[in-house]
């Protein structure tokens, strides 16, 4: 099943895990939407600002949100992320955030503290 994934913290920097996730998701059949504060493109897709993503995405458009933004920087994104009503949010190492996880779980959103790259490679995605 294709799980359309929003990458929060997308970057054109090839040394970052968010970039590697953007390269791997399509290899495993999952389309992605890159969103963040960095300007540029990742694998031919424009990195969307919050305003652009809000205008483009509707609730339930996204299956999974994978986070590559530290907990302090996540706060401004809470409403946007939760309004998307994803089925799952993945908190990659360093992004763990009990406050956001609690709010997501209260809305019936699955939360996972794991590495997206490992989940893809091991068939757990």
N, C-alpha and C. Protein backbone atom coordinates (compact mmCIF):
# COMPACT_ATOMS: atom_id res chain seq x y z
N UNK A 1 0.84 -1.19 0.00
CA UNK A 1 0.00 0.00 0.00
C UNK A 1 0.88 1.25 0.00
N UNK A 2 0.57 2.17 -0.87
CA UNK A 2 1.32 3.42 -0.91
C UNK A 2 0.90 4.30 0.26
N UNK A 3 1.88 4.77 0.99
CA UNK A 3 1.61 5.62 2.16
C UNK A 3 2.21 6.99 1.90
N UNK A 4 1.38 7.91 1.37
CA UNK A 4 1.85 9.26 1.08
C UNK A 4 2.37 9.87 2.38
N UNK A 5 3.60 10.36 2.31
CA UNK A 5 4.32 10.77 3.51
C UNK A 5 4.75 12.23 3.42
N UNK A 6 4.45 12.98 4.46
CA UNK A 6 4.93 14.36 4.57
C UNK A 6 6.24 14.32 5.35
N UNK A 7 7.28 14.86 4.74
CA UNK A 7 8.58 14.96 5.42
C UNK A 7 8.68 16.37 5.99
N UNK A 8 8.55 16.50 7.31
CA UNK A 8 8.70 17.82 7.94
C UNK A 8 10.16 18.01 8.32
N UNK A 9 10.76 19.04 7.74
CA UNK A 9 12.19 19.29 7.92
C UNK A 9 12.95 18.91 6.67
N UNK A 10 12.23 18.85 5.54
CA UNK A 10 12.86 18.50 4.27
C UNK A 10 13.99 19.49 3.96
N UNK A 11 15.02 18.98 3.30
CA UNK A 11 16.20 19.79 3.02
C UNK A 11 16.87 19.30 1.73
N UNK A 12 17.51 20.21 0.99
CA UNK A 12 18.28 19.79 -0.18
C UNK A 12 19.69 19.30 0.18
N UNK A 13 20.02 19.26 1.46
CA UNK A 13 21.35 18.86 1.93
C UNK A 13 21.48 17.33 1.97
N UNK A 14 22.28 16.73 1.07
CA UNK A 14 22.37 15.27 0.98
C UNK A 14 22.93 14.58 2.22
N UNK A 15 23.53 15.33 3.14
CA UNK A 15 24.07 14.69 4.34
C UNK A 15 23.03 14.56 5.45
N UNK A 16 21.82 15.06 5.23
CA UNK A 16 20.78 15.03 6.27
C UNK A 16 19.87 13.82 6.10
N UNK A 17 19.39 13.30 7.23
CA UNK A 17 18.51 12.13 7.18
C UNK A 17 17.20 12.42 6.46
N UNK A 18 16.69 13.64 6.56
CA UNK A 18 15.45 13.99 5.85
C UNK A 18 15.63 13.84 4.34
N UNK A 19 16.81 14.18 3.85
CA UNK A 19 17.12 14.03 2.43
C UNK A 19 17.17 12.55 2.05
N UNK A 20 17.80 11.76 2.90
CA UNK A 20 17.91 10.32 2.63
C UNK A 20 16.51 9.69 2.63
N UNK A 21 15.66 10.13 3.55
CA UNK A 21 14.27 9.63 3.57
C UNK A 21 13.57 9.95 2.25
N UNK A 22 13.79 11.17 1.75
CA UNK A 22 13.18 11.58 0.48
C UNK A 22 13.66 10.70 -0.67
N UNK A 23 14.89 10.22 -0.59
CA UNK A 23 15.40 9.34 -1.65
C UNK A 23 14.85 7.93 -1.49
N UNK A 24 14.66 7.48 -0.25
CA UNK A 24 14.24 6.10 -0.01
C UNK A 24 12.74 5.86 -0.13
N UNK A 25 11.93 6.82 0.29
CA UNK A 25 10.48 6.59 0.28
C UNK A 25 9.97 6.14 -1.09
N UNK A 26 10.32 6.85 -2.18
CA UNK A 26 9.84 6.39 -3.50
C UNK A 26 10.37 5.01 -3.89
N UNK A 27 11.57 4.68 -3.44
CA UNK A 27 12.14 3.35 -3.74
C UNK A 27 11.27 2.24 -3.16
N UNK A 28 10.56 2.56 -2.08
CA UNK A 28 9.69 1.59 -1.42
C UNK A 28 8.21 1.83 -1.78
N UNK A 29 7.98 2.67 -2.79
CA UNK A 29 6.62 2.87 -3.29
C UNK A 29 5.79 3.91 -2.57
N UNK A 30 6.45 4.77 -1.79
CA UNK A 30 5.70 5.77 -1.02
C UNK A 30 5.99 7.17 -1.55
N UNK A 31 4.98 7.85 -2.11
CA UNK A 31 5.20 9.23 -2.54
C UNK A 31 5.41 10.13 -1.32
N UNK A 32 6.12 11.24 -1.52
CA UNK A 32 6.36 12.14 -0.39
C UNK A 32 6.08 13.59 -0.77
N UNK A 33 5.82 14.37 0.28
CA UNK A 33 5.63 15.81 0.15
C UNK A 33 6.67 16.47 1.06
N UNK A 34 7.64 17.19 0.49
CA UNK A 34 8.66 17.83 1.32
C UNK A 34 8.17 19.19 1.85
N UNK A 35 8.25 19.36 3.16
CA UNK A 35 7.80 20.60 3.81
C UNK A 35 8.88 21.03 4.79
N UNK A 36 9.10 22.33 4.88
CA UNK A 36 10.07 22.82 5.85
C UNK A 36 10.39 24.27 5.67
N UNK A 37 11.42 24.71 6.36
CA UNK A 37 11.83 26.11 6.28
C UNK A 37 12.97 26.31 5.29
N UNK A 38 13.61 25.23 4.88
CA UNK A 38 14.68 25.34 3.89
C UNK A 38 14.07 25.61 2.52
N UNK A 39 14.75 26.42 1.74
CA UNK A 39 14.33 26.68 0.37
C UNK A 39 15.01 25.67 -0.54
N UNK A 40 14.40 25.41 -1.67
CA UNK A 40 15.05 24.54 -2.64
C UNK A 40 14.16 23.39 -3.05
N UNK A 41 14.81 22.39 -3.62
CA UNK A 41 14.13 21.22 -4.12
C UNK A 41 14.81 19.97 -3.58
N UNK A 42 14.04 18.91 -3.53
CA UNK A 42 14.59 17.62 -3.17
C UNK A 42 13.99 16.60 -4.15
N UNK A 43 14.87 16.00 -4.94
CA UNK A 43 14.47 15.02 -5.95
C UNK A 43 13.35 15.56 -6.85
N UNK A 44 13.55 16.80 -7.31
CA UNK A 44 12.62 17.39 -8.27
C UNK A 44 11.36 17.97 -7.69
N UNK A 45 11.21 17.91 -6.38
CA UNK A 45 10.02 18.47 -5.74
C UNK A 45 10.41 19.70 -4.93
N UNK A 46 9.64 20.77 -5.09
CA UNK A 46 9.88 21.99 -4.34
C UNK A 46 9.58 21.74 -2.86
N UNK A 47 10.47 22.22 -2.00
CA UNK A 47 10.20 22.15 -0.56
C UNK A 47 9.16 23.23 -0.24
N UNK A 48 8.03 22.80 0.27
CA UNK A 48 6.92 23.71 0.53
C UNK A 48 7.06 24.39 1.88
N UNK A 49 6.69 25.66 1.93
CA UNK A 49 6.58 26.36 3.20
C UNK A 49 5.30 25.89 3.89
N UNK A 50 5.13 26.27 5.15
CA UNK A 50 3.90 25.89 5.86
C UNK A 50 2.68 26.44 5.14
N UNK A 51 2.74 27.70 4.72
CA UNK A 51 1.60 28.33 4.03
C UNK A 51 1.27 27.60 2.73
N UNK A 52 2.30 27.24 1.97
CA UNK A 52 2.06 26.51 0.72
C UNK A 52 1.45 25.14 0.98
N UNK A 53 1.97 24.45 1.99
CA UNK A 53 1.46 23.12 2.32
C UNK A 53 0.01 23.21 2.83
N UNK A 54 -0.28 24.23 3.64
CA UNK A 54 -1.65 24.40 4.14
C UNK A 54 -2.62 24.64 3.00
N UNK A 55 -2.20 25.40 2.00
CA UNK A 55 -3.07 25.70 0.86
C UNK A 55 -3.28 24.48 -0.03
N UNK A 56 -2.29 23.59 -0.07
CA UNK A 56 -2.31 22.47 -1.00
C UNK A 56 -2.92 21.20 -0.41
N UNK A 57 -2.66 20.93 0.86
CA UNK A 57 -3.04 19.65 1.46
C UNK A 57 -4.36 19.76 2.22
N UNK A 58 -5.12 18.72 2.12
CA UNK A 58 -6.41 18.63 2.83
C UNK A 58 -6.31 17.52 3.88
N UNK A 59 -7.23 17.54 4.87
CA UNK A 59 -7.22 16.45 5.85
C UNK A 59 -7.28 15.09 5.15
N UNK A 60 -6.51 14.17 5.69
CA UNK A 60 -6.41 12.78 5.22
C UNK A 60 -5.69 12.62 3.88
N UNK A 61 -5.13 13.71 3.32
CA UNK A 61 -4.31 13.58 2.10
C UNK A 61 -3.03 12.81 2.40
N UNK A 62 -2.58 12.90 3.64
CA UNK A 62 -1.29 12.35 4.05
C UNK A 62 -1.54 11.14 4.96
N UNK A 63 -0.86 10.03 4.68
CA UNK A 63 -0.96 8.85 5.54
C UNK A 63 -0.03 8.98 6.75
N UNK A 64 1.22 9.37 6.46
CA UNK A 64 2.25 9.40 7.50
C UNK A 64 2.99 10.73 7.48
N UNK A 65 3.27 11.25 8.66
CA UNK A 65 4.15 12.41 8.79
C UNK A 65 5.42 11.89 9.46
N UNK A 66 6.56 12.17 8.85
CA UNK A 66 7.83 11.79 9.46
C UNK A 66 8.57 13.08 9.83
N UNK A 67 8.96 13.17 11.09
CA UNK A 67 9.52 14.41 11.63
C UNK A 67 11.04 14.42 11.63
N UNK A 68 11.59 15.52 11.13
CA UNK A 68 13.03 15.76 11.16
C UNK A 68 13.30 17.17 11.71
N UNK A 69 12.47 17.58 12.65
CA UNK A 69 12.56 18.91 13.26
C UNK A 69 12.56 18.70 14.77
N UNK A 70 13.45 19.40 15.48
CA UNK A 70 13.54 19.18 16.93
C UNK A 70 12.25 19.65 17.63
N UNK A 71 11.99 19.13 18.83
CA UNK A 71 10.72 19.41 19.51
C UNK A 71 10.40 20.91 19.67
N UNK A 72 11.40 21.74 19.96
CA UNK A 72 11.12 23.17 20.12
C UNK A 72 10.61 23.80 18.83
N UNK A 73 11.16 23.38 17.70
CA UNK A 73 10.76 23.93 16.40
C UNK A 73 9.46 23.31 15.90
N UNK A 74 9.03 22.22 16.53
CA UNK A 74 7.78 21.58 16.12
C UNK A 74 6.56 22.37 16.56
N UNK A 75 6.67 23.14 17.64
CA UNK A 75 5.50 23.77 18.24
C UNK A 75 4.68 24.59 17.25
N UNK A 76 5.35 25.35 16.39
CA UNK A 76 4.62 26.18 15.43
C UNK A 76 3.89 25.35 14.38
N UNK A 77 4.20 24.06 14.30
CA UNK A 77 3.61 23.17 13.30
C UNK A 77 2.47 22.32 13.86
N UNK A 78 2.26 22.31 15.18
CA UNK A 78 1.28 21.41 15.80
C UNK A 78 -0.07 21.43 15.09
N UNK A 79 -0.68 22.60 14.99
CA UNK A 79 -2.04 22.68 14.43
C UNK A 79 -2.06 22.19 12.99
N UNK A 80 -1.07 22.62 12.21
CA UNK A 80 -0.98 22.18 10.81
C UNK A 80 -0.91 20.66 10.73
N UNK A 81 -0.01 20.05 11.50
CA UNK A 81 0.18 18.60 11.45
C UNK A 81 -1.08 17.86 11.88
N UNK A 82 -1.68 18.29 12.97
CA UNK A 82 -2.86 17.59 13.49
C UNK A 82 -4.07 17.79 12.59
N UNK A 83 -4.18 18.97 11.98
CA UNK A 83 -5.30 19.23 11.06
C UNK A 83 -5.25 18.35 9.82
N UNK A 84 -4.06 17.85 9.47
CA UNK A 84 -3.95 16.94 8.33
C UNK A 84 -4.59 15.58 8.60
N UNK A 85 -4.81 15.27 9.87
CA UNK A 85 -5.42 14.00 10.28
C UNK A 85 -4.72 12.79 9.65
N UNK A 86 -3.39 12.73 9.82
CA UNK A 86 -2.68 11.56 9.27
C UNK A 86 -3.04 10.32 10.08
N UNK A 87 -2.71 9.17 9.54
CA UNK A 87 -2.91 7.95 10.31
C UNK A 87 -1.76 7.73 11.30
N UNK A 88 -0.58 8.33 10.98
CA UNK A 88 0.59 8.04 11.81
C UNK A 88 1.57 9.21 11.76
N UNK A 89 2.25 9.42 12.89
CA UNK A 89 3.37 10.37 12.96
C UNK A 89 4.58 9.59 13.46
N UNK A 90 5.68 9.69 12.71
CA UNK A 90 6.92 9.04 13.12
C UNK A 90 7.86 10.09 13.70
N UNK A 91 8.25 9.87 14.95
CA UNK A 91 9.22 10.73 15.62
C UNK A 91 10.59 10.08 15.45
N UNK A 92 11.38 10.59 14.52
CA UNK A 92 12.72 10.06 14.29
C UNK A 92 13.61 10.43 15.47
N UNK A 93 14.75 9.73 15.63
CA UNK A 93 15.64 10.04 16.76
C UNK A 93 15.96 11.54 16.84
N UNK A 94 15.79 12.10 18.03
CA UNK A 94 16.04 13.52 18.25
C UNK A 94 14.80 14.39 18.09
N UNK A 95 13.70 13.80 17.63
CA UNK A 95 12.47 14.58 17.44
C UNK A 95 11.38 14.18 18.44
N UNK A 96 11.69 13.27 19.35
CA UNK A 96 10.71 12.78 20.30
C UNK A 96 10.06 13.95 21.03
N UNK A 97 8.72 13.92 21.15
CA UNK A 97 8.00 15.05 21.70
C UNK A 97 6.71 14.55 22.37
N UNK A 98 6.75 14.31 23.70
CA UNK A 98 5.58 13.79 24.39
C UNK A 98 4.34 14.69 24.25
N UNK A 99 4.53 16.01 24.22
CA UNK A 99 3.38 16.93 24.12
C UNK A 99 2.64 16.73 22.79
N UNK A 100 3.38 16.68 21.70
CA UNK A 100 2.76 16.47 20.40
C UNK A 100 2.20 15.05 20.29
N UNK A 101 2.94 14.07 20.78
CA UNK A 101 2.48 12.69 20.72
C UNK A 101 1.15 12.53 21.46
N UNK A 102 1.03 13.15 22.64
CA UNK A 102 -0.21 13.08 23.41
C UNK A 102 -1.38 13.68 22.65
N UNK A 103 -1.16 14.85 22.07
CA UNK A 103 -2.22 15.51 21.29
C UNK A 103 -2.62 14.66 20.10
N UNK A 104 -1.65 14.07 19.43
CA UNK A 104 -1.94 13.22 18.28
C UNK A 104 -2.74 11.99 18.70
N UNK A 105 -2.29 11.33 19.76
CA UNK A 105 -2.97 10.13 20.24
C UNK A 105 -4.41 10.43 20.66
N UNK A 106 -4.63 11.60 21.24
CA UNK A 106 -5.99 12.00 21.64
C UNK A 106 -6.91 12.12 20.43
N UNK A 107 -6.33 12.33 19.25
CA UNK A 107 -7.12 12.43 18.01
C UNK A 107 -7.13 11.10 17.26
N UNK A 108 -6.59 10.05 17.87
CA UNK A 108 -6.61 8.74 17.24
C UNK A 108 -5.50 8.53 16.23
N UNK A 109 -4.46 9.36 16.28
CA UNK A 109 -3.32 9.25 15.37
C UNK A 109 -2.26 8.37 16.04
N UNK A 110 -1.80 7.36 15.32
CA UNK A 110 -0.75 6.49 15.84
C UNK A 110 0.56 7.28 15.90
N UNK A 111 1.30 7.13 16.98
CA UNK A 111 2.62 7.77 17.08
C UNK A 111 3.67 6.67 17.28
N UNK A 112 4.79 6.86 16.60
CA UNK A 112 5.87 5.87 16.64
C UNK A 112 7.19 6.60 16.85
N UNK A 113 7.96 6.17 17.84
CA UNK A 113 9.32 6.68 18.00
C UNK A 113 10.23 5.67 17.34
N UNK A 114 10.70 6.01 16.14
CA UNK A 114 11.50 5.08 15.35
C UNK A 114 12.22 5.86 14.27
N UNK A 115 13.05 5.16 13.53
CA UNK A 115 13.76 5.75 12.41
C UNK A 115 13.07 5.33 11.12
N UNK A 116 12.61 6.31 10.36
CA UNK A 116 11.94 6.03 9.09
C UNK A 116 12.81 5.17 8.18
N UNK A 117 14.11 5.46 8.13
CA UNK A 117 15.01 4.71 7.24
C UNK A 117 15.07 3.24 7.62
N UNK A 118 15.14 2.97 8.93
CA UNK A 118 15.19 1.59 9.41
C UNK A 118 13.84 0.91 9.17
N UNK A 119 12.75 1.63 9.40
CA UNK A 119 11.42 1.06 9.17
C UNK A 119 11.26 0.64 7.71
N UNK A 120 11.73 1.49 6.79
CA UNK A 120 11.64 1.15 5.37
C UNK A 120 12.47 -0.09 5.05
N UNK A 121 13.71 -0.09 5.52
CA UNK A 121 14.62 -1.21 5.20
C UNK A 121 14.18 -2.54 5.79
N UNK A 122 13.45 -2.49 6.90
CA UNK A 122 13.08 -3.74 7.58
C UNK A 122 11.62 -4.12 7.31
N UNK A 123 10.95 -3.41 6.41
CA UNK A 123 9.58 -3.75 6.06
C UNK A 123 8.55 -3.40 7.10
N UNK A 124 8.88 -2.50 8.02
CA UNK A 124 7.95 -2.09 9.07
C UNK A 124 7.18 -0.83 8.75
N UNK A 125 7.46 -0.26 7.58
CA UNK A 125 6.84 1.03 7.23
C UNK A 125 5.36 0.81 6.91
